[in-house]
C-alpha atoms as a PDB file:
ATOM      1  CA  MET A   1      -7.418   6.582 -90.688  1.00  0.00           C
ATOM      2  CA  THR A   2      -7.113   7.404 -86.748  1.00  0.00           C
ATOM      3  CA  LYS A   3      -6.695  11.260 -86.264  1.00  0.00           C
ATOM      4  CA  ARG A   4      -3.443  12.502 -85.571  1.00  0.00           C
ATOM      5  CA  ASN A   5      -2.732  15.001 -82.800  1.00  0.00           C
ATOM      6  CA  THR A   6      -2.167  18.221 -84.242  1.00  0.00           C
ATOM      7  CA  GLN A   7       1.693  18.401 -83.414  1.00  0.00           C
ATOM      8  CA  GLN A   8       2.097  15.093 -85.526  1.00  0.00           C
ATOM      9  CA  ARG A   9      -0.437  16.397 -88.133  1.00  0.00           C
ATOM     10  CA  ARG A  10       1.527  19.925 -88.625  1.00  0.00           C
ATOM     11  CA  HIS A  11       4.702  18.101 -88.911  1.00  0.00           C
ATOM     12  CA  THR A  12       3.164  15.935 -91.291  1.00  0.00           C
ATOM     13  CA  ILE A  13       2.051  18.990 -93.450  1.00  0.00           C
ATOM     14  CA  LEU A  14       5.408  20.890 -93.319  1.00  0.00           C
ATOM     15  CA  SER A  15       7.155  18.114 -94.334  1.00  0.00           C
ATOM     16  CA  GLN A  16       5.082  17.649 -97.239  1.00  0.00           C
ATOM     17  CA  VAL A  17       5.416  21.354 -98.275  1.00  0.00           C
ATOM     18  CA  ASN A  18       9.048  20.995 -98.223  1.00  0.00           C
ATOM     19  CA  GLU A  19       9.137  17.956-100.144  1.00  0.00           C
ATOM     20  CA  LEU A  20       6.614  18.920-103.079  1.00  0.00           C
ATOM     21  CA  GLY A  21       6.900  22.547-102.887  1.00  0.00           C
ATOM     22  CA  GLU A  22       3.019  23.382-102.060  1.00  0.00           C
ATOM     23  CA  VAL A  23       0.108  21.499-100.726  1.00  0.00           C
ATOM     24  CA  ALA A  24      -3.924  22.151-101.012  1.00  0.00           C
ATOM     25  CA  VAL A  25      -6.517  22.347 -98.039  1.00  0.00           C
ATOM     26  CA  GLU A  26      -8.970  20.284 -99.579  1.00  0.00           C
ATOM     27  CA  ALA A  27      -6.356  17.370 -99.806  1.00  0.00           C
ATOM     28  CA  LEU A  28      -5.024  17.874 -96.610  1.00  0.00           C
ATOM     29  CA  ALA A  29      -8.409  17.610 -95.075  1.00  0.00           C
ATOM     30  CA  GLU A  30      -9.248  14.407 -96.981  1.00  0.00           C
ATOM     31  CA  GLN A  31      -5.934  12.992 -96.300  1.00  0.00           C
ATOM     32  CA  PHE A  32      -5.871  13.440 -92.308  1.00  0.00           C
ATOM     33  CA  GLN A  33      -9.993  12.864 -92.410  1.00  0.00           C
ATOM     34  CA  THR A  34     -10.669  16.603 -90.703  1.00  0.00           C
ATOM     35  CA  SER A  35     -12.079  19.480 -91.628  1.00  0.00           C
ATOM     36  CA  GLU A  36     -11.025  22.165 -93.870  1.00  0.00           C
ATOM     37  CA  VAL A  37     -11.066  24.799 -90.949  1.00  0.00           C
ATOM     38  CA  THR A  38      -8.520  22.475 -88.973  1.00  0.00           C
ATOM     39  CA  ILE A  39      -6.277  22.547 -91.754  1.00  0.00           C
ATOM     40  CA  ARG A  40      -6.291  26.210 -92.288  1.00  0.00           C
ATOM     41  CA  LYS A  41      -5.631  26.675 -88.378  1.00  0.00           C
ATOM     42  CA  ASP A  42      -2.674  24.451 -89.119  1.00  0.00           C
ATOM     43  CA  LEU A  43      -1.418  26.338 -92.045  1.00  0.00           C
ATOM     44  CA  THR A  44      -2.043  29.764 -90.069  1.00  0.00           C
ATOM     45  CA  ALA A  45       0.135  28.752 -86.897  1.00  0.00           C
ATOM     46  CA  LEU A  46       2.619  27.330 -89.456  1.00  0.00           C
ATOM     47  CA  GLU A  47       2.991  30.379 -91.204  1.00  0.00           C
ATOM     48  CA  LYS A  48       3.214  32.332 -88.053  1.00  0.00           C
ATOM     49  CA  SER A  49       5.858  30.333 -87.052  1.00  0.00           C
ATOM     50  CA  GLY A  50       7.967  31.338 -89.996  1.00  0.00           C
ATOM     51  CA  LEU A  51       7.669  27.833 -91.629  1.00  0.00           C
ATOM     52  CA  LEU A  52       5.931  28.279 -94.798  1.00  0.00           C
ATOM     53  CA  LEU A  53       3.765  30.594 -96.675  1.00  0.00           C
ATOM     54  CA  ARG A  54      -0.219  30.508 -97.006  1.00  0.00           C
ATOM     55  CA  ARG A  55      -1.924  30.777-100.580  1.00  0.00           C
ATOM     56  CA  TYR A  56      -5.387  30.761-101.491  1.00  0.00           C
ATOM     57  CA  GLY A  57      -6.846  27.319-101.100  1.00  0.00           C
ATOM     58  CA  GLY A  58      -3.059  25.631 -99.480  1.00  0.00           C
ATOM     59  CA  ALA A  59       0.555  26.861 -98.633  1.00  0.00           C
ATOM     60  CA  ILE A  60       3.647  26.869-100.330  1.00  0.00           C
ATOM     61  CA  ALA A  61       7.379  26.376 -98.972  1.00  0.00           C
ATOM     62  CA  LEU A  62       9.200  29.330 -98.120  1.00  0.00           C
ATOM     63  CA  PRO A  63      11.205  30.946-100.975  1.00  0.00           C
ATOM     64  CA  GLN A  64      15.017  29.890-101.202  1.00  0.00           C
ATOM     65  CA  GLU A  65      16.130  33.080-100.358  1.00  0.00           C
ATOM     66  CA  ILE A  66      14.284  33.139 -97.280  1.00  0.00           C
ATOM     67  CA  VAL A  67      15.535  29.852 -96.259  1.00  0.00           C
ATOM     68  CA  ALA A  68      18.790  30.460 -96.842  1.00  0.00           C
ATOM     69  CA  ASN A  69      19.209  33.390 -94.354  1.00  0.00           C
ATOM     70  CA  SER A  70      21.379  31.342 -91.698  1.00  0.00           C
ATOM     71  CA  ASN A  71      20.901  34.021 -89.145  1.00  0.00           C
ATOM     72  CA  GLU A  72      17.092  34.369 -89.220  1.00  0.00           C
ATOM     73  CA  LYS A  73      17.301  30.446 -89.040  1.00  0.00           C
ATOM     74  CA  SER A  74      19.431  30.306 -86.062  1.00  0.00           C
ATOM     75  CA  ASP A  75      17.155  32.779 -84.384  1.00  0.00           C
ATOM     76  CA  SER A  76      14.134  30.499 -84.936  1.00  0.00           C
ATOM     77  CA  LEU A  77      15.706  27.341 -83.626  1.00  0.00           C
ATOM     78  CA  ARG A  78      16.821  28.987 -80.312  1.00  0.00           C
ATOM     79  CA  LYS A  79      13.514  30.427 -79.575  1.00  0.00           C
ATOM     80  CA  MET A  80      11.694  27.032 -80.870  1.00  0.00           C
ATOM     81  CA  ALA A  81      14.315  25.269 -78.253  1.00  0.00           C
ATOM     82  CA  ILE A  82      13.379  27.503 -75.408  1.00  0.00           C
ATOM     83  CA  ALA A  83       9.828  27.686 -76.214  1.00  0.00           C
ATOM     84  CA  GLN A  84       9.430  23.691 -76.116  1.00  0.00           C
ATOM     85  CA  ALA A  85      11.569  23.658 -72.792  1.00  0.00           C
ATOM     86  CA  ALA A  86       9.405  26.367 -71.178  1.00  0.00           C
ATOM     87  CA  ALA A  87       6.283  24.322 -72.191  1.00  0.00           C
ATOM     88  CA  LYS A  88       7.428  21.125 -70.413  1.00  0.00           C
ATOM     89  CA  LEU A  89       6.938  23.048 -67.031  1.00  0.00           C
ATOM     90  CA  ILE A  90       3.544  23.469 -67.791  1.00  0.00           C
ATOM     91  CA  LYS A  91       1.082  20.612 -66.490  1.00  0.00           C
ATOM     92  CA  ASP A  92      -2.499  19.951 -67.143  1.00  0.00           C
ATOM     93  CA  HIS A  93      -4.973  22.854 -65.806  1.00  0.00           C
ATOM     94  CA  ASN A  94      -2.369  25.282 -65.162  1.00  0.00           C
ATOM     95  CA  ARG A  95      -3.269  28.641 -64.843  1.00  0.00           C
ATOM     96  CA  ILE A  96      -0.751  30.793 -66.419  1.00  0.00           C
ATOM     97  CA  ILE A  97       0.553  34.312 -67.995  1.00  0.00           C
ATOM     98  CA  ILE A  98       2.015  34.724 -71.558  1.00  0.00           C
ATOM     99  CA  ASP A  99       3.457  38.029 -71.855  1.00  0.00           C
ATOM    100  CA  SER A 100       4.074  39.711 -75.056  1.00  0.00           C
ATOM    101  CA  GLY A 101       7.032  38.709 -77.515  1.00  0.00           C
ATOM    102  CA  ARG A 102       8.356  36.518 -80.197  1.00  0.00           C
ATOM    103  CA  THR A 103       9.978  34.107 -77.937  1.00  0.00           C
ATOM    104  CA  THR A 104       6.986  33.605 -75.799  1.00  0.00           C
ATOM    105  CA  ALA A 105       4.273  33.605 -78.452  1.00  0.00           C
ATOM    106  CA  ALA A 106       6.774  30.691 -80.077  1.00  0.00           C
ATOM    107  CA  MET A 107       5.193  28.460 -76.785  1.00  0.00           C
ATOM    108  CA  ILE A 108       1.863  28.249 -78.561  1.00  0.00           C
ATOM    109  CA  PRO A 109       2.210  25.578 -80.438  1.00  0.00           C
ATOM    110  CA  GLU A 110       3.680  23.372 -77.890  1.00  0.00           C
ATOM    111  CA  LEU A 111       0.650  24.039 -75.764  1.00  0.00           C
ATOM    112  CA  ALA A 112      -1.721  22.136 -78.111  1.00  0.00           C
ATOM    113  CA  LYS A 113      -1.462  18.733 -75.545  1.00  0.00           C
ATOM    114  CA  LYS A 114      -2.092  20.741 -72.747  1.00  0.00           C
ATOM    115  CA  ARG A 115      -5.808  20.035 -71.292  1.00  0.00           C
ATOM    116  CA  GLY A 116      -7.546  22.477 -69.309  1.00  0.00           C
ATOM    117  CA  LEU A 117      -5.323  25.617 -69.351  1.00  0.00           C
ATOM    118  CA  VAL A 118      -6.411  29.078 -68.125  1.00  0.00           C
ATOM    119  CA  VAL A 119      -3.778  31.265 -70.062  1.00  0.00           C
ATOM    120  CA  MET A 120      -3.874  35.322 -69.708  1.00  0.00           C
ATOM    121  CA  THR A 121      -2.190  37.538 -72.227  1.00  0.00           C
ATOM    122  CA  ASN A 122      -1.678  41.098 -72.774  1.00  0.00           C
ATOM    123  CA  ALA A 123      -0.961  40.495 -76.724  1.00  0.00           C
ATOM    124  CA  ILE A 124      -3.131  40.114 -79.420  1.00  0.00           C
ATOM    125  CA  ASN A 125      -0.762  38.067 -81.469  1.00  0.00           C
ATOM    126  CA  VAL A 126       0.040  35.522 -78.407  1.00  0.00           C
ATOM    127  CA  ALA A 127      -4.308  35.338 -77.811  1.00  0.00           C
ATOM    128  CA  ASN A 128      -4.650  34.489 -81.948  1.00  0.00           C
ATOM    129  CA  ARG A 129      -2.484  31.948 -81.599  1.00  0.00           C
ATOM    130  CA  LEU A 130      -4.130  30.286 -78.743  1.00  0.00           C
ATOM    131  CA  LEU A 131      -7.433  30.233 -80.578  1.00  0.00           C
ATOM    132  CA  SER A 132      -6.016  28.421 -83.129  1.00  0.00           C
ATOM    133  CA  LEU A 133      -5.542  25.516 -80.679  1.00  0.00           C
ATOM    134  CA  GLU A 134      -7.754  22.835 -80.777  1.00  0.00           C
ATOM    135  CA  ASN A 135      -7.767  22.059 -77.300  1.00  0.00           C
ATOM    136  CA  GLU A 136      -9.192  25.207 -76.635  1.00  0.00           C
ATOM    137  CA  PRO A 137      -7.487  26.844 -73.465  1.00  0.00           C
ATOM    138  CA  THR A 138      -9.545  29.347 -71.555  1.00  0.00           C
ATOM    139  CA  LEU A 139      -8.211  32.948 -73.057  1.00  0.00           C
ATOM    140  CA  LEU A 140      -8.192  36.025 -70.496  1.00  0.00           C
ATOM    141  CA  MET A 141      -7.177  39.228 -72.100  1.00  0.00           C
ATOM    142  CA  THR A 142      -5.659  42.055 -69.465  1.00  0.00           C
ATOM    143  CA  GLY A 143      -7.210  44.741 -71.920  1.00  0.00           C
ATOM    144  CA  GLY A 144      -5.925  48.376 -70.910  1.00  0.00           C
ATOM    145  CA  THR A 145      -4.075  50.791 -72.995  1.00  0.00           C
ATOM    146  CA  TRP A 146      -2.134  49.534 -76.074  1.00  0.00           C
ATOM    147  CA  ASP A 147       1.487  50.215 -76.359  1.00  0.00           C
ATOM    148  CA  PRO A 148       2.983  50.159 -79.787  1.00  0.00           C
ATOM    149  CA  HIS A 149       6.224  49.791 -78.507  1.00  0.00           C
ATOM    150  CA  SER A 150       5.792  46.490 -76.926  1.00  0.00           C
ATOM    151  CA  GLU A 151       2.455  45.503 -79.575  1.00  0.00           C
ATOM    152  CA  SER A 152       0.577  44.838 -76.069  1.00  0.00           C
ATOM    153  CA  PHE A 153      -1.538  46.244 -73.495  1.00  0.00           C
ATOM    154  CA  GLN A 154       0.013  48.004 -70.554  1.00  0.00           C
ATOM    155  CA  GLY A 155      -1.427  50.270 -67.881  1.00  0.00           C
ATOM    156  CA  GLN A 156      -3.355  50.734 -64.730  1.00  0.00           C
ATOM    157  CA  VAL A 157      -6.532  48.805 -66.161  1.00  0.00           C
ATOM    158  CA  ALA A 158      -4.218  46.155 -67.013  1.00  0.00           C
ATOM    159  CA  GLU A 159      -2.682  46.011 -63.683  1.00  0.00           C
ATOM    160  CA  ASN A 160      -6.036  46.324 -61.993  1.00  0.00           C
ATOM    161  CA  VAL A 161      -7.388  43.200 -63.912  1.00  0.00           C
ATOM    162  CA  LEU A 162      -3.947  40.909 -63.165  1.00  0.00           C
ATOM    163  CA  ARG A 163      -4.758  41.554 -59.532  1.00  0.00           C
ATOM    164  CA  SER A 164      -8.084  39.941 -59.703  1.00  0.00           C
ATOM    165  CA  TYR A 165      -6.571  36.678 -60.444  1.00  0.00           C
ATOM    166  CA  ASP A 166      -3.765  34.746 -59.363  1.00  0.00           C
ATOM    167  CA  PHE A 167      -1.543  32.144 -61.449  1.00  0.00           C
ATOM    168  CA  ASP A 168       0.868  28.945 -61.318  1.00  0.00           C
ATOM    169  CA  GLN A 169       3.186  30.603 -63.732  1.00  0.00           C
ATOM    170  CA  LEU A 170       4.434  33.801 -65.786  1.00  0.00           C
ATOM    171  CA  PHE A 171       6.431  33.146 -68.837  1.00  0.00           C
ATOM    172  CA  ILE A 172       8.167  36.562 -69.801  1.00  0.00           C
ATOM    173  CA  GLY A 173      10.801  37.575 -72.391  1.00  0.00           C
ATOM    174  CA  ALA A 174      13.403  39.703 -71.884  1.00  0.00           C
ATOM    175  CA  ASP A 175      15.671  42.365 -73.685  1.00  0.00           C
ATOM    176  CA  GLY A 176      18.805  41.660 -71.852  1.00  0.00           C
ATOM    177  CA  ILE A 177      19.594  40.187 -68.629  1.00  0.00           C
ATOM    178  CA  ASP A 178      22.083  42.032 -66.073  1.00  0.00           C
ATOM    179  CA  ILE A 179      23.817  39.488 -64.084  1.00  0.00           C
ATOM    180  CA  ASP A 180      24.161  41.729 -61.389  1.00  0.00           C
ATOM    181  CA  ARG A 181      20.237  42.922 -61.261  1.00  0.00           C
ATOM    182  CA  GLY A 182      17.801  40.645 -63.318  1.00  0.00           C
ATOM    183  CA  THR A 183      16.147  41.201 -66.310  1.00  0.00           C
ATOM    184  CA  THR A 184      15.985  44.430 -68.180  1.00  0.00           C
ATOM    185  CA  THR A 185      14.117  46.144 -70.996  1.00  0.00           C
ATOM    186  CA  PHE A 186      14.177  48.994 -73.560  1.00  0.00           C
ATOM    187  CA  ASN A 187      10.598  49.744 -72.545  1.00  0.00           C
ATOM    188  CA  GLU A 188       9.732  52.166 -69.837  1.00  0.00           C
ATOM    189  CA  LEU A 189       6.632  50.447 -68.903  1.00  0.00           C
ATOM    190  CA  VAL A 190       7.622  47.960 -66.637  1.00  0.00           C
ATOM    191  CA  GLY A 191       4.907  48.149 -63.945  1.00  0.00           C
ATOM    192  CA  LEU A 192       2.841  45.842 -65.848  1.00  0.00           C
ATOM    193  CA  SER A 193       5.423  42.925 -65.779  1.00  0.00           C
ATOM    194  CA  GLN A 194       6.087  43.476 -62.487  1.00  0.00           C
ATOM    195  CA  VAL A 195       2.088  43.016 -61.294  1.00  0.00           C
ATOM    196  CA  MET A 196       2.432  39.926 -63.415  1.00  0.00           C
ATOM    197  CA  ALA A 197       5.328  38.573 -61.463  1.00  0.00           C
ATOM    198  CA  GLU A 198       3.334  39.062 -58.063  1.00  0.00           C
ATOM    199  CA  ALA A 199       0.294  37.466 -59.550  1.00  0.00           C
ATOM    200  CA  ALA A 200       2.225  34.275 -60.277  1.00  0.00           C
ATOM    201  CA  ARG A 201       3.656  31.618 -58.021  1.00  0.00           C
ATOM    202  CA  GLU A 202       6.324  31.138 -60.569  1.00  0.00           C
ATOM    203  CA  VAL A 203       8.034  33.437 -62.658  1.00  0.00           C
ATOM    204  CA  VAL A 204       9.766  32.108 -66.142  1.00  0.00           C
ATOM    205  CA  VAL A 205      12.164  33.988 -67.923  1.00  0.00           C
ATOM    206  CA  LEU A 206      12.541  33.077 -71.923  1.00  0.00           C
ATOM    207  CA  VAL A 207      15.975  34.516 -73.327  1.00  0.00           C
ATOM    208  CA  GLU A 208      18.273  33.860 -75.885  1.00  0.00           C
ATOM    209  CA  SER A 209      21.816  33.224 -74.643  1.00  0.00           C
ATOM    210  CA  GLU A 210      23.294  36.342 -76.649  1.00  0.00           C
ATOM    211  CA  LYS A 211      20.999  38.543 -74.656  1.00  0.00           C
ATOM    212  CA  ILE A 212      22.459  37.591 -71.011  1.00  0.00           C
ATOM    213  CA  GLY A 213      25.259  39.933 -70.032  1.00  0.00           C
ATOM    214  CA  ARG A 214      23.693  42.719 -71.814  1.00  0.00           C
ATOM    215  CA  ARG A 215      23.207  45.482 -69.820  1.00  0.00           C
ATOM    216  CA  ILE A 216      19.962  47.730 -70.378  1.00  0.00           C
ATOM    217  CA  PRO A 217      18.860  51.313 -68.007  1.00  0.00           C
ATOM    218  CA  ASN A 218      15.396  49.711 -67.354  1.00  0.00           C
ATOM    219  CA  LEU A 219      15.332  47.123 -64.628  1.00  0.00           C
ATOM    220  CA  GLU A 220      12.094  45.004 -65.109  1.00  0.00           C
ATOM    221  CA  LEU A 221      12.145  42.050 -62.546  1.00  0.00           C
ATOM    222  CA  PRO A 222      14.810  41.977 -59.936  1.00  0.00           C
ATOM    223  CA  TRP A 223      16.198  38.281 -59.136  1.00  0.00           C
ATOM    224  CA  GLN A 224      14.044  37.956 -56.324  1.00  0.00           C
ATOM    225  CA  ARG A 225      11.283  38.046 -58.560  1.00  0.00           C
ATOM    226  CA  VAL A 226      12.581  35.293 -61.040  1.00  0.00           C
ATOM    227  CA  THR A 227      12.309  31.597 -60.463  1.00  0.00           C
ATOM    228  CA  THR A 228      13.754  30.290 -63.454  1.00  0.00           C
ATOM    229  CA  VAL A 229      15.678  31.238 -66.573  1.00  0.00           C
ATOM    230  CA  ILE A 230      15.587  29.344 -69.554  1.00  0.00           C
ATOM    231  CA  THR A 231      18.342  30.065 -72.354  1.00  0.00           C
ATOM    232  CA  ASP A 232      20.093  27.806 -75.009  1.00  0.00           C
ATOM    233  CA  ASN A 233      22.900  25.645 -74.609  1.00  0.00           C
ATOM    234  CA  ASN A 234      25.146  28.309 -76.215  1.00  0.00           C
ATOM    235  CA  LEU A 235      25.236  30.184 -72.611  1.00  0.00           C
ATOM    236  CA  CYS A 236      28.989  29.992 -71.292  1.00  0.00           C
ATOM    237  CA  ALA A 237      30.073  28.247 -68.376  1.00  0.00           C
ATOM    238  CA  ASP A 238      30.895  31.543 -66.180  1.00  0.00           C
ATOM    239  CA  LYS A 239      27.413  33.079 -67.356  1.00  0.00           C
ATOM    240  CA  ARG A 240      25.607  29.902 -66.172  1.00  0.00           C
ATOM    241  CA  LYS A 241      27.517  29.936 -62.677  1.00  0.00           C
ATOM    242  CA  ALA A 242      26.555  33.630 -62.156  1.00  0.00           C
ATOM    243  CA  ILE A 243      22.787  33.071 -62.669  1.00  0.00           C
ATOM    244  CA  THR A 244      22.360  30.104 -60.469  1.00  0.00           C
ATOM    245  CA  ALA A 245      24.645  32.051 -57.571  1.00  0.00           C
ATOM    246  CA  CYS A 246      21.887  34.380 -57.748  1.00  0.00           C
ATOM    247  CA  GLY A 247      19.136  31.702 -56.509  1.00  0.00           C
ATOM    248  CA  VAL A 248      17.663  30.871 -59.701  1.00  0.00           C
ATOM    249  CA  ARG A 249      17.032  27.980 -61.456  1.00  0.00           C
ATOM    250  CA  LEU A 250      18.794  27.610 -64.842  1.00  0.00           C
ATOM    251  CA  ILE A 251      17.577  25.913 -68.072  1.00  0.00           C
ATOM    252  CA  CYS A 252      20.007  25.619 -71.009  1.00  0.00           C
ATOM    253  CA  ALA A 253      17.648  24.046 -73.880  1.00  0.00           C
ATOM    254  CA  GLU A 254      19.215  21.770 -76.821  1.00  0.00           C
ATOM    255  CA  ILE A 255      18.928  23.270 -80.101  1.00  0.00           C
ATOM    256  CA  GLU A 256      18.303  20.640 -82.473  1.00  0.00           C
END
């Protein structure tokens, strides 16, 4: 059997879990003619994406009470659509920064087909997901002081590390978008985000449409620093026009 690429294999595994209720690592390894280590990485990645639950020796489908939660499912679909649109902007051998956050972390499975990537991050969960990819991108960590609020490294050490590099793209989330000013955040630690933006030639903001128009006191990145905003297609026409009027490229991802 010809070895399938990671994305195809994980899609098939998820389909089997949903159909059968459970799967076993040993059987999957034999089915796909790959190692049990690879299958465990697949199951871990699918669990982190909220698509199944790991169990000893395999995985099971999500309990119905979790699946039935339509709000969480809708939120997940928005994040996935935005993440997929963001990954399309990345070329083989790009040097990128991925900031902390659930929406940015959702990009990781989409990077499986990219070759020769160099990825800097300040988030442990992003780093762990990158290490699960078979294409093995080069991973760089900022280091610094751990901030429990943002679940990421921040501070002067992290900023100095970033200043030592240059990158093609920064992928960063936002707690809100102030149409008049730019991206905003509840976190008062915005210094690292600004240094990230300075280190990258293109700044891509990933944000759900419901957060656009939300005014939060702490300005993170002014519009002058933002190249592209990726959101979902629920964004109204007035807000679309207002963002593009700021000289920012707008991508509205279709929710499947």
